[in-house]
Amino acid sequence: MFGDRSIQVARVFGTTVHTNLEAVLIMLATGLAGTSWLHGAFIVVGFAVGTGLHLASHWGVAVAFGKGIDRMVLTRAGRIDYSGAEPGFIEYLVRTAAGATMNGLCALAGYATITLVDIQQWPPTAELALRTFTTSSLILLVINFLPAIPLDGGLIVQRILTRLYGDVRATRIAARISIVLMFALVVGGVIWVQPVLLYLGAVISYDAWRKHLRTVAP
């Protein structure tokens, strides 16, 4: 159960949710960055909650445009199958950016609370939970806005390039950008000793080459 293969695990408001073992292991592996078992657990929960809010924002924007989501596939090459007619350019950009924007708002709210409120008076567990969720939200914001497909930033760049150069050329350009950025992510994973970053950078680079460069004619 790796790569594109997935199974349905839930149905929420008419939307089916699919995932696979690889995605679950990646989520759990984020806890390896923790300095303690409790911190590691908070990291996993922080990313899980942040991802849930991320997806809910995509769904909310789709509904606001009178549409919905038929299926969410939560894998390393995740995808969202929207219902309704093909979106216009602006609608596509707004709904694609919605998820990472929500993560950014969560990070902003967290840092504002840390700055303006004397959280040192809180129980240590509550303070740790807030700081961890805030950091997790910031990481989700940065990663999802990277201009690398299939991340939201990459999909936005690909759509803009398609408008300028057409689908085939845009896909090849976006794939090359993705590989360069994911190579940088691999380097970061090595420098910071973060196996999750290393793994994601490697497999997403491979996916970009396999799906968008190897199979697309020049």
Protein backbone atom coordinates (compact mmCIF):
# COMPACT_ATOMS: atom_id res chain seq x y z
CA MET A 1 0.00 0.00 0.00
CA PHE A 2 2.45 2.63 -1.21
CA GLY A 3 2.55 5.28 -3.93
CA ASP A 4 -0.75 5.77 -5.73
CA ARG A 5 -2.49 2.71 -4.28
CA SER A 6 -5.00 3.46 -1.53
CA ILE A 7 -8.18 2.24 0.14
CA GLN A 8 -11.26 4.05 1.38
CA VAL A 9 -11.14 4.64 5.13
CA ALA A 10 -14.04 7.03 5.71
CA ARG A 11 -16.96 8.87 4.17
CA VAL A 12 -17.63 12.41 5.40
CA PHE A 13 -20.56 14.48 4.15
CA GLY A 14 -20.63 12.50 0.91
CA THR A 15 -16.87 12.74 0.40
CA THR A 16 -14.89 9.50 0.44
CA VAL A 17 -11.48 9.64 2.13
CA HIS A 18 -8.73 7.31 0.93
CA THR A 19 -5.24 6.69 2.27
CA ASN A 20 -2.59 3.99 2.43
CA LEU A 21 -0.05 2.48 4.80
CA GLU A 22 2.76 4.69 3.50
CA ALA A 23 0.87 7.89 4.36
CA VAL A 24 0.09 6.61 7.86
CA LEU A 25 3.73 5.69 8.45
CA ILE A 26 4.90 9.10 7.20
CA MET A 27 2.50 10.83 9.60
CA LEU A 28 3.68 8.70 12.53
CA ALA A 29 7.32 9.24 11.57
CA THR A 30 6.96 12.99 12.08
CA GLY A 31 6.98 12.21 15.80
CA LEU A 32 10.63 11.17 15.53
CA ALA A 33 11.51 14.87 15.62
CA GLY A 34 10.21 15.10 19.18
CA THR A 35 12.54 15.61 22.12
CA SER A 36 10.37 13.33 24.28
CA TRP A 37 7.56 10.84 23.86
CA LEU A 38 5.01 13.52 24.76
CA HIS A 39 6.52 16.02 22.34
CA GLY A 40 6.57 13.39 19.60
CA ALA A 41 2.91 12.59 20.22
CA PHE A 42 2.03 16.30 20.05
CA ILE A 43 3.89 16.59 16.73
CA VAL A 44 1.88 13.73 15.23
CA VAL A 45 -1.39 15.19 16.55
CA GLY A 46 -0.39 18.68 15.42
CA PHE A 47 0.24 17.54 11.85
CA ALA A 48 -2.93 15.44 11.85
CA VAL A 49 -5.11 18.34 13.05
CA GLY A 50 -3.35 20.76 10.71
CA THR A 51 -3.93 18.41 7.78
CA GLY A 52 -7.60 18.08 8.72
CA LEU A 53 -8.04 21.86 8.78
CA HIS A 54 -6.13 22.09 5.51
CA LEU A 55 -8.51 19.68 3.78
CA ALA A 56 -11.58 21.26 5.37
CA SER A 57 -10.53 24.60 3.86
CA HIS A 58 -10.31 23.10 0.37
CA TRP A 59 -13.80 21.66 0.90
CA GLY A 60 -15.18 24.95 2.26
CA VAL A 61 -13.97 26.96 -0.75
CA ALA A 62 -15.35 24.35 -3.14
CA VAL A 63 -18.75 24.63 -1.43
CA ALA A 64 -18.55 28.44 -1.56
CA PHE A 65 -18.25 28.15 -5.36
CA GLY A 66 -21.33 25.91 -5.44
CA LYS A 67 -19.41 22.68 -5.82
CA GLY A 68 -18.02 19.97 -3.57
CA ILE A 69 -15.52 17.16 -3.26
CA ASP A 70 -16.20 13.59 -4.33
CA ARG A 71 -12.95 12.06 -3.10
CA MET A 72 -9.86 12.96 -1.10
CA VAL A 73 -6.80 10.75 -1.57
CA LEU A 74 -4.31 11.24 1.26
CA THR A 75 -1.13 9.69 -0.09
CA ARG A 76 2.31 11.08 -0.95
CA ALA A 77 0.89 11.90 -4.40
CA GLY A 78 -2.44 12.93 -2.93
CA ARG A 79 -5.27 14.37 -4.95
CA ILE A 80 -8.69 15.88 -4.50
CA ASP A 81 -11.47 15.05 -6.94
CA TYR A 82 -13.81 18.03 -7.02
CA SER A 83 -17.40 17.73 -8.18
CA GLY A 84 -19.04 20.08 -10.64
CA ALA A 85 -17.82 21.85 -13.74
CA GLU A 86 -14.15 22.55 -14.45
CA PRO A 87 -13.14 25.64 -12.41
CA GLY A 88 -12.08 28.91 -13.91
CA PHE A 89 -8.55 30.22 -13.43
CA ILE A 90 -9.25 32.35 -10.33
CA GLU A 91 -11.47 29.72 -8.72
CA TYR A 92 -8.76 27.10 -9.18
CA LEU A 93 -6.11 29.31 -7.59
CA VAL A 94 -8.31 30.26 -4.64
CA ARG A 95 -9.44 26.76 -3.76
CA THR A 96 -5.94 25.31 -4.24
CA ALA A 97 -4.39 27.95 -1.97
CA ALA A 98 -7.10 27.60 0.68
CA GLY A 99 -5.55 24.70 2.59
CA ALA A 100 -2.07 26.15 3.11
CA THR A 101 -3.63 29.55 3.84
CA MET A 102 -5.55 27.98 6.73
CA ASN A 103 -2.31 26.49 8.05
CA GLY A 104 -0.77 29.95 7.84
CA LEU A 105 -3.65 31.48 9.80
CA CYS A 106 -3.27 28.81 12.48
CA ALA A 107 0.47 29.53 12.72
CA LEU A 108 -0.22 33.28 12.92
CA ALA A 109 -2.80 32.79 15.67
CA GLY A 110 -0.41 30.53 17.56
CA TYR A 111 2.51 32.95 17.39
CA ALA A 112 0.23 35.85 18.35
CA THR A 113 -0.91 33.92 21.43
CA ILE A 114 2.67 33.04 22.36
CA THR A 115 3.72 36.69 21.98
CA LEU A 116 0.76 38.43 23.61
CA VAL A 117 -0.24 35.97 26.32
CA ASP A 118 1.89 34.91 29.27
CA ILE A 119 1.74 31.22 28.43
CA GLN A 120 4.50 30.48 30.93
CA GLN A 121 1.72 30.58 33.50
CA TRP A 122 -0.03 27.74 31.69
CA PRO A 123 0.48 24.09 32.60
CA PRO A 124 3.68 22.89 30.86
CA THR A 125 1.71 20.36 28.80
CA ALA A 126 -0.63 23.04 27.44
CA GLU A 127 2.29 25.32 26.57
CA LEU A 128 4.07 22.48 24.77
CA ALA A 129 0.88 21.61 22.86
CA LEU A 130 0.41 25.20 21.67
CA ARG A 131 4.03 25.64 20.63
CA THR A 132 4.05 22.30 18.81
CA PHE A 133 0.80 22.95 16.95
CA THR A 134 2.01 26.42 15.96
CA THR A 135 5.28 25.03 14.60
CA SER A 136 3.46 22.18 12.81
CA SER A 137 1.11 24.69 11.18
CA LEU A 138 4.04 26.79 9.97
CA ILE A 139 5.76 23.72 8.51
CA LEU A 140 2.55 22.70 6.71
CA LEU A 141 2.25 26.24 5.32
CA VAL A 142 5.82 26.25 3.98
CA ILE A 143 5.79 22.71 2.59
CA ASN A 144 2.39 22.97 0.90
CA PHE A 145 3.27 26.27 -0.75
CA LEU A 146 6.50 24.90 -2.22
CA PRO A 147 6.16 25.16 -6.03
CA ALA A 148 6.54 21.40 -6.46
CA ILE A 149 3.81 19.10 -7.76
CA PRO A 150 1.69 17.55 -6.30
CA LEU A 151 1.89 20.13 -3.49
CA ASP A 152 -0.55 23.06 -3.61
CA GLY A 153 2.18 25.51 -4.60
CA GLY A 154 3.23 23.26 -7.44
CA LEU A 155 -0.32 22.91 -8.70
CA ILE A 156 -0.72 26.68 -8.68
CA VAL A 157 2.54 27.17 -10.60
CA GLN A 158 1.55 24.46 -13.08
CA ARG A 159 -1.83 26.13 -13.69
CA ILE A 160 -0.19 29.52 -14.28
CA LEU A 161 2.37 27.97 -16.63
CA THR A 162 -0.40 26.16 -18.49
CA ARG A 163 -2.12 29.48 -19.08
CA LEU A 164 1.15 30.84 -20.53
CA TYR A 165 2.66 27.90 -22.40
CA GLY A 166 0.04 25.17 -22.80
CA ASP A 167 -0.40 21.93 -20.88
CA VAL A 168 2.51 19.79 -22.16
CA ARG A 169 5.26 22.39 -21.80
CA ALA A 170 3.87 23.61 -18.48
CA THR A 171 3.88 20.08 -17.09
CA ARG A 172 7.50 19.53 -18.04
CA ILE A 173 8.62 22.86 -16.55
CA ALA A 174 6.69 22.23 -13.34
CA ALA A 175 8.15 18.73 -13.04
CA ARG A 176 11.71 20.01 -13.42
CA ILE A 177 11.12 22.70 -10.78
CA SER A 178 9.69 20.00 -8.50
CA ILE A 179 12.74 17.76 -8.86
CA VAL A 180 15.14 20.62 -8.05
CA LEU A 181 13.16 21.62 -4.96
CA MET A 182 12.77 18.06 -3.76
CA PHE A 183 16.51 17.51 -4.14
CA ALA A 184 16.96 20.52 -1.85
CA LEU A 185 14.51 18.89 0.56
CA VAL A 186 16.61 15.71 0.52
CA VAL A 187 19.71 17.76 1.34
CA GLY A 188 17.81 19.43 4.17
CA GLY A 189 16.75 16.05 5.48
CA VAL A 190 20.38 14.96 5.61
CA ILE A 191 21.61 18.20 7.24
CA TRP A 192 18.84 18.31 9.86
CA VAL A 193 18.77 14.51 10.30
CA GLN A 194 15.08 14.38 9.36
CA PRO A 195 14.30 11.05 7.66
CA VAL A 196 10.76 12.17 6.76
CA LEU A 197 12.07 15.09 4.68
CA LEU A 198 14.66 12.86 3.07
CA TYR A 199 12.11 10.22 2.14
CA LEU A 200 9.50 12.68 0.86
CA GLY A 201 12.04 14.56 -1.22
CA ALA A 202 13.27 11.35 -2.83
CA VAL A 203 9.89 9.79 -3.62
CA ILE A 204 8.24 13.00 -4.85
CA SER A 205 11.21 13.61 -7.16
CA TYR A 206 10.82 10.09 -8.51
CA ASP A 207 7.06 10.60 -8.98
CA ALA A 208 7.63 13.85 -10.87
CA TRP A 209 10.11 12.18 -13.21
CA ARG A 210 8.02 9.03 -13.71
CA LYS A 211 4.67 10.74 -14.31
CA HIS A 212 5.59 14.01 -15.96
CA LEU A 213 8.98 13.71 -17.65
CA ARG A 214 9.45 10.09 -18.66
CA THR A 215 5.97 9.79 -20.18
CA VAL A 216 5.47 13.26 -21.70
CA ALA A 217 6.85 13.81 -25.18
CA PRO A 218 9.08 16.88 -25.62
